[in-house]
Amino acid sequence: EGTLRAFEMLKERDPARSIPFEQVVAVARAYEALGEHRRAVRVYRTTLAAQFLTEARLGRVLEQESLVLPSLRFVYDLSTAYPDLSPVQSSLFHLPQIWADRAEMAATDPAMRARGYTRETLLATSADWMLEFAARYPESPLAEEAGFHLTGTYLELEQHGKAVATARSFSRRFREGHYLDDLLYMEGHARLSRGESRTALALLDQVATGQFTMPGGNAVGPSE
């Protein structure tokens, strides 16, 4: 109990103070010994989240050396090594989008081409990463948006079969979601590219005439 009193007094006086990991483990074990398992878990998770953010900053070193893609890869690999924490989820959701943003640069950047990066390989990696997020966090508030981005990436890769399957899967899961009209539209576009004109036109007509949940609330309205 003395360990806990000292820890709580220290955090109360200086909440931003960094405490060595070994001492944090001792505190968590002290909570466990008292049967306060929730507080022990909270201490572990808070400490791991702070440690993740500290390690992720190492990616800045690579970025400052003009090694943006290696820095993103470093942070992604780091994220997959950590348990389910809020900053880890955020990282795994945003990194595929940042990576994909670099795809259009590959055609004109000699340094990227020299390292073997192409638009197609960058987009393919982005899709793999977003698929990983969707598989890890199917109940996340960001899951529907992940499906939207994943479908869009498959369309850019002209992988129309995967685009159809992904759009259809997420539109069925999120029938009242904010991205439903986008998913239906992308599925229709992908089906047109596959020569499935009748189904495609039915989907596009649904987008044009349907009522959808509007961003920011429960109101419904036409697709924008």
Protein backbone atom coordinates (compact mmCIF):
# COMPACT_ATOMS: atom_id res chain seq x y z
CA GLU A 1 0.00 0.00 0.00
CA GLY A 2 2.96 2.30 0.60
CA THR A 3 3.95 1.89 -3.06
CA LEU A 4 0.46 2.88 -4.16
CA ARG A 5 0.27 5.90 -1.87
CA ALA A 6 3.62 7.14 -3.18
CA PHE A 7 2.54 6.58 -6.78
CA GLU A 8 -0.80 8.35 -6.37
CA MET A 9 0.78 11.30 -4.55
CA LEU A 10 3.42 11.63 -7.27
CA LYS A 11 0.88 11.56 -10.11
CA GLU A 12 -1.34 14.05 -8.27
CA ARG A 13 1.52 16.52 -7.81
CA ASP A 14 3.05 16.07 -11.26
CA PRO A 15 0.71 14.23 -13.72
CA ALA A 16 3.08 14.74 -16.66
CA ARG A 17 6.05 13.20 -14.93
CA SER A 18 7.52 10.11 -16.60
CA ILE A 19 7.83 7.09 -14.33
CA PRO A 20 10.24 4.23 -15.17
CA PHE A 21 8.50 1.18 -16.58
CA GLU A 22 9.78 -1.09 -13.80
CA GLN A 23 8.15 1.13 -11.20
CA VAL A 24 4.88 1.18 -13.11
CA VAL A 25 4.86 -2.63 -13.20
CA ALA A 26 5.39 -2.65 -9.44
CA VAL A 27 2.42 -0.31 -9.00
CA ALA A 28 0.19 -2.44 -11.23
CA ARG A 29 1.16 -5.58 -9.31
CA ALA A 30 0.38 -3.82 -6.05
CA TYR A 31 -3.12 -3.04 -7.33
CA GLU A 32 -3.51 -6.67 -8.39
CA ALA A 33 -2.47 -7.85 -4.93
CA LEU A 34 -5.26 -5.72 -3.44
CA GLY A 35 -7.75 -7.19 -5.89
CA GLU A 36 -8.12 -3.92 -7.81
CA HIS A 37 -7.70 -5.54 -11.20
CA ARG A 38 -9.36 -2.78 -13.21
CA ARG A 39 -6.99 -0.18 -11.82
CA ALA A 40 -4.05 -2.50 -12.51
CA VAL A 41 -5.15 -2.90 -16.15
CA ARG A 42 -5.63 0.87 -16.46
CA VAL A 43 -2.08 1.47 -15.23
CA TYR A 44 -0.67 -1.09 -17.68
CA ARG A 45 -2.64 0.32 -20.63
CA THR A 46 -1.79 3.95 -19.87
CA THR A 47 1.87 3.11 -19.57
CA LEU A 48 1.94 1.05 -22.77
CA ALA A 49 0.15 3.82 -24.65
CA ALA A 50 2.74 6.36 -23.47
CA GLN A 51 5.56 3.98 -24.36
CA PHE A 52 4.10 3.44 -27.84
CA LEU A 53 3.93 7.18 -28.50
CA THR A 54 7.52 7.58 -27.33
CA GLU A 55 8.78 4.81 -29.61
CA ALA A 56 6.68 6.07 -32.53
CA ARG A 57 8.52 9.39 -32.34
CA LEU A 58 11.63 7.55 -33.51
CA GLY A 59 9.98 7.48 -36.91
CA ARG A 60 10.48 11.25 -36.98
CA VAL A 61 14.22 10.66 -37.20
CA LEU A 62 13.78 8.75 -40.45
CA GLU A 63 11.32 11.35 -41.73
CA GLN A 64 13.80 14.15 -41.07
CA GLU A 65 16.31 12.23 -43.16
CA SER A 66 13.85 12.34 -46.09
CA LEU A 67 12.95 8.70 -45.51
CA VAL A 68 9.21 9.24 -45.19
CA LEU A 69 8.09 5.80 -46.36
CA PRO A 70 10.57 3.91 -44.14
CA SER A 71 9.35 6.05 -41.23
CA LEU A 72 5.74 5.09 -41.96
CA ARG A 73 6.72 1.43 -42.26
CA PHE A 74 8.56 1.66 -38.93
CA VAL A 75 5.50 3.10 -37.16
CA TYR A 76 3.20 0.54 -38.78
CA ASP A 77 5.35 -2.40 -37.72
CA LEU A 78 5.56 -0.90 -34.24
CA SER A 79 1.77 -0.55 -34.12
CA THR A 80 1.16 -4.19 -35.00
CA ALA A 81 3.45 -5.25 -32.14
CA TYR A 82 1.37 -3.45 -29.50
CA PRO A 83 -1.92 -4.54 -27.94
CA ASP A 84 -5.29 -2.89 -28.52
CA LEU A 85 -4.73 0.71 -27.35
CA SER A 86 -6.36 3.94 -28.50
CA PRO A 87 -3.22 5.46 -30.11
CA VAL A 88 -2.44 2.12 -31.76
CA GLN A 89 -5.91 1.94 -33.32
CA SER A 90 -5.57 5.52 -34.54
CA SER A 91 -2.16 4.76 -36.04
CA LEU A 92 -3.35 1.63 -37.84
CA PHE A 93 -6.30 3.54 -39.29
CA HIS A 94 -4.45 6.63 -40.53
CA LEU A 95 -1.17 5.11 -41.74
CA PRO A 96 -2.71 3.32 -44.77
CA GLN A 97 -4.18 6.63 -45.94
CA ILE A 98 -0.91 8.52 -45.51
CA TRP A 99 0.89 5.72 -47.36
CA ALA A 100 -1.63 5.82 -50.22
CA ASP A 101 -1.20 9.58 -50.53
CA ARG A 102 2.39 8.92 -51.58
CA ALA A 103 1.35 6.63 -54.43
CA GLU A 104 0.88 9.40 -57.00
CA MET A 105 4.39 10.67 -56.29
CA ALA A 106 6.01 7.37 -57.25
CA ALA A 107 5.74 8.02 -61.00
CA THR A 108 7.73 11.27 -60.83
CA ASP A 109 10.06 10.79 -57.86
CA PRO A 110 13.38 9.19 -58.92
CA ALA A 111 14.34 8.43 -55.32
CA MET A 112 11.13 6.45 -54.77
CA ARG A 113 11.60 4.53 -58.00
CA ALA A 114 15.19 3.77 -57.06
CA ARG A 115 13.94 2.15 -53.85
CA GLY A 116 11.48 0.03 -55.83
CA TYR A 117 8.32 1.94 -54.98
CA THR A 118 5.62 2.17 -57.64
CA ARG A 119 2.11 3.52 -57.55
CA GLU A 120 0.73 -0.01 -57.65
CA THR A 121 2.92 -1.41 -54.88
CA LEU A 122 2.19 1.55 -52.61
CA LEU A 123 -1.56 1.24 -53.13
CA ALA A 124 -1.41 -2.52 -52.62
CA THR A 125 0.38 -2.05 -49.30
CA SER A 126 -2.14 0.59 -48.26
CA ALA A 127 -4.96 -1.83 -49.02
CA ASP A 128 -3.29 -4.60 -47.01
CA TRP A 129 -2.85 -2.28 -44.03
CA MET A 130 -6.44 -1.04 -44.11
CA LEU A 131 -7.68 -4.61 -44.42
CA GLU A 132 -5.64 -5.44 -41.32
CA PHE A 133 -7.33 -2.60 -39.44
CA ALA A 134 -10.79 -3.73 -40.54
CA ALA A 135 -10.05 -7.30 -39.44
CA ARG A 136 -8.61 -6.25 -36.07
CA TYR A 137 -11.29 -3.74 -35.16
CA PRO A 138 -14.63 -4.74 -36.74
CA GLU A 139 -16.54 -2.91 -33.97
CA SER A 140 -14.51 0.29 -34.19
CA PRO A 141 -16.42 3.54 -34.89
CA LEU A 142 -13.98 3.89 -37.81
CA ALA A 143 -14.80 0.48 -39.31
CA GLU A 144 -17.27 1.79 -41.90
CA GLU A 145 -14.86 4.51 -43.01
CA ALA A 146 -12.13 1.88 -43.27
CA GLY A 147 -14.37 -0.05 -45.67
CA PHE A 148 -14.90 3.11 -47.71
CA HIS A 149 -11.15 3.74 -48.03
CA LEU A 150 -10.41 0.08 -48.74
CA THR A 151 -12.99 -0.05 -51.54
CA GLY A 152 -11.61 3.15 -53.05
CA THR A 153 -8.08 1.75 -53.03
CA TYR A 154 -9.21 -1.43 -54.79
CA LEU A 155 -10.87 0.75 -57.44
CA GLU A 156 -7.64 2.68 -57.95
CA LEU A 157 -5.84 -0.63 -58.39
CA GLU A 158 -8.56 -1.70 -60.84
CA GLN A 159 -9.18 -4.76 -58.69
CA HIS A 160 -12.89 -4.56 -59.37
CA GLY A 161 -13.78 -7.94 -57.92
CA LYS A 162 -12.31 -7.00 -54.54
CA ALA A 163 -13.95 -3.58 -54.75
CA VAL A 164 -17.37 -5.17 -55.30
CA ALA A 165 -16.92 -7.68 -52.48
CA THR A 166 -15.66 -5.05 -50.03
CA ALA A 167 -18.31 -2.44 -50.85
CA ARG A 168 -21.07 -5.03 -50.64
CA SER A 169 -19.82 -6.41 -47.33
CA PHE A 170 -19.61 -3.01 -45.65
CA SER A 171 -22.86 -1.66 -47.11
CA ARG A 172 -24.67 -4.68 -45.68
CA ARG A 173 -23.06 -4.21 -42.27
CA PHE A 174 -23.71 -0.48 -42.13
CA ARG A 175 -27.15 -0.12 -43.68
CA GLU A 176 -27.66 3.23 -41.95
CA GLY A 177 -24.06 4.38 -42.09
CA HIS A 178 -22.76 7.72 -43.25
CA TYR A 179 -20.83 6.08 -46.12
CA LEU A 180 -23.64 3.89 -47.44
CA ASP A 181 -24.27 5.98 -50.57
CA ASP A 182 -20.52 6.10 -51.32
CA LEU A 183 -20.21 2.34 -50.93
CA LEU A 184 -23.19 1.70 -53.20
CA TYR A 185 -21.83 4.12 -55.78
CA MET A 186 -18.37 2.49 -55.75
CA GLU A 187 -19.90 -0.96 -56.02
CA GLY A 188 -21.91 0.24 -59.02
CA HIS A 189 -18.79 1.72 -60.61
CA ALA A 190 -16.86 -1.51 -60.07
CA ARG A 191 -19.67 -3.60 -61.51
CA LEU A 192 -19.83 -1.40 -64.60
CA SER A 193 -16.12 -2.08 -65.11
CA ARG A 194 -16.86 -5.80 -64.85
CA GLY A 195 -19.59 -5.55 -67.50
CA GLU A 196 -22.42 -6.08 -65.02
CA SER A 197 -24.46 -3.22 -66.40
CA ARG A 198 -27.91 -4.16 -65.08
CA THR A 199 -26.80 -4.57 -61.47
CA ALA A 200 -24.56 -1.51 -61.71
CA LEU A 201 -27.34 0.73 -62.99
CA ALA A 202 -29.70 -0.48 -60.26
CA LEU A 203 -27.13 0.47 -57.63
CA LEU A 204 -26.48 3.88 -59.17
CA ASP A 205 -30.22 4.52 -59.40
CA GLN A 206 -30.50 3.65 -55.71
CA VAL A 207 -27.84 6.26 -54.95
CA ALA A 208 -29.57 8.86 -57.11
CA THR A 209 -33.06 8.38 -55.65
CA GLY A 210 -32.45 7.01 -52.15
CA GLN A 211 -32.41 8.66 -48.74
CA PHE A 212 -29.27 8.28 -46.66
CA THR A 213 -28.06 9.14 -43.18
CA MET A 214 -26.40 12.52 -43.31
CA PRO A 215 -22.96 13.14 -41.74
CA GLY A 216 -23.08 14.57 -38.24
CA GLY A 217 -26.49 13.33 -37.19
CA ASN A 218 -29.46 11.05 -37.63
CA ALA A 219 -31.19 13.11 -40.32
CA VAL A 220 -31.67 11.52 -43.72
CA GLY A 221 -31.49 13.09 -47.15
CA PRO A 222 -30.41 12.50 -50.74
CA SER A 223 -26.87 11.47 -51.56
CA GLU A 224 -24.43 14.34 -51.90
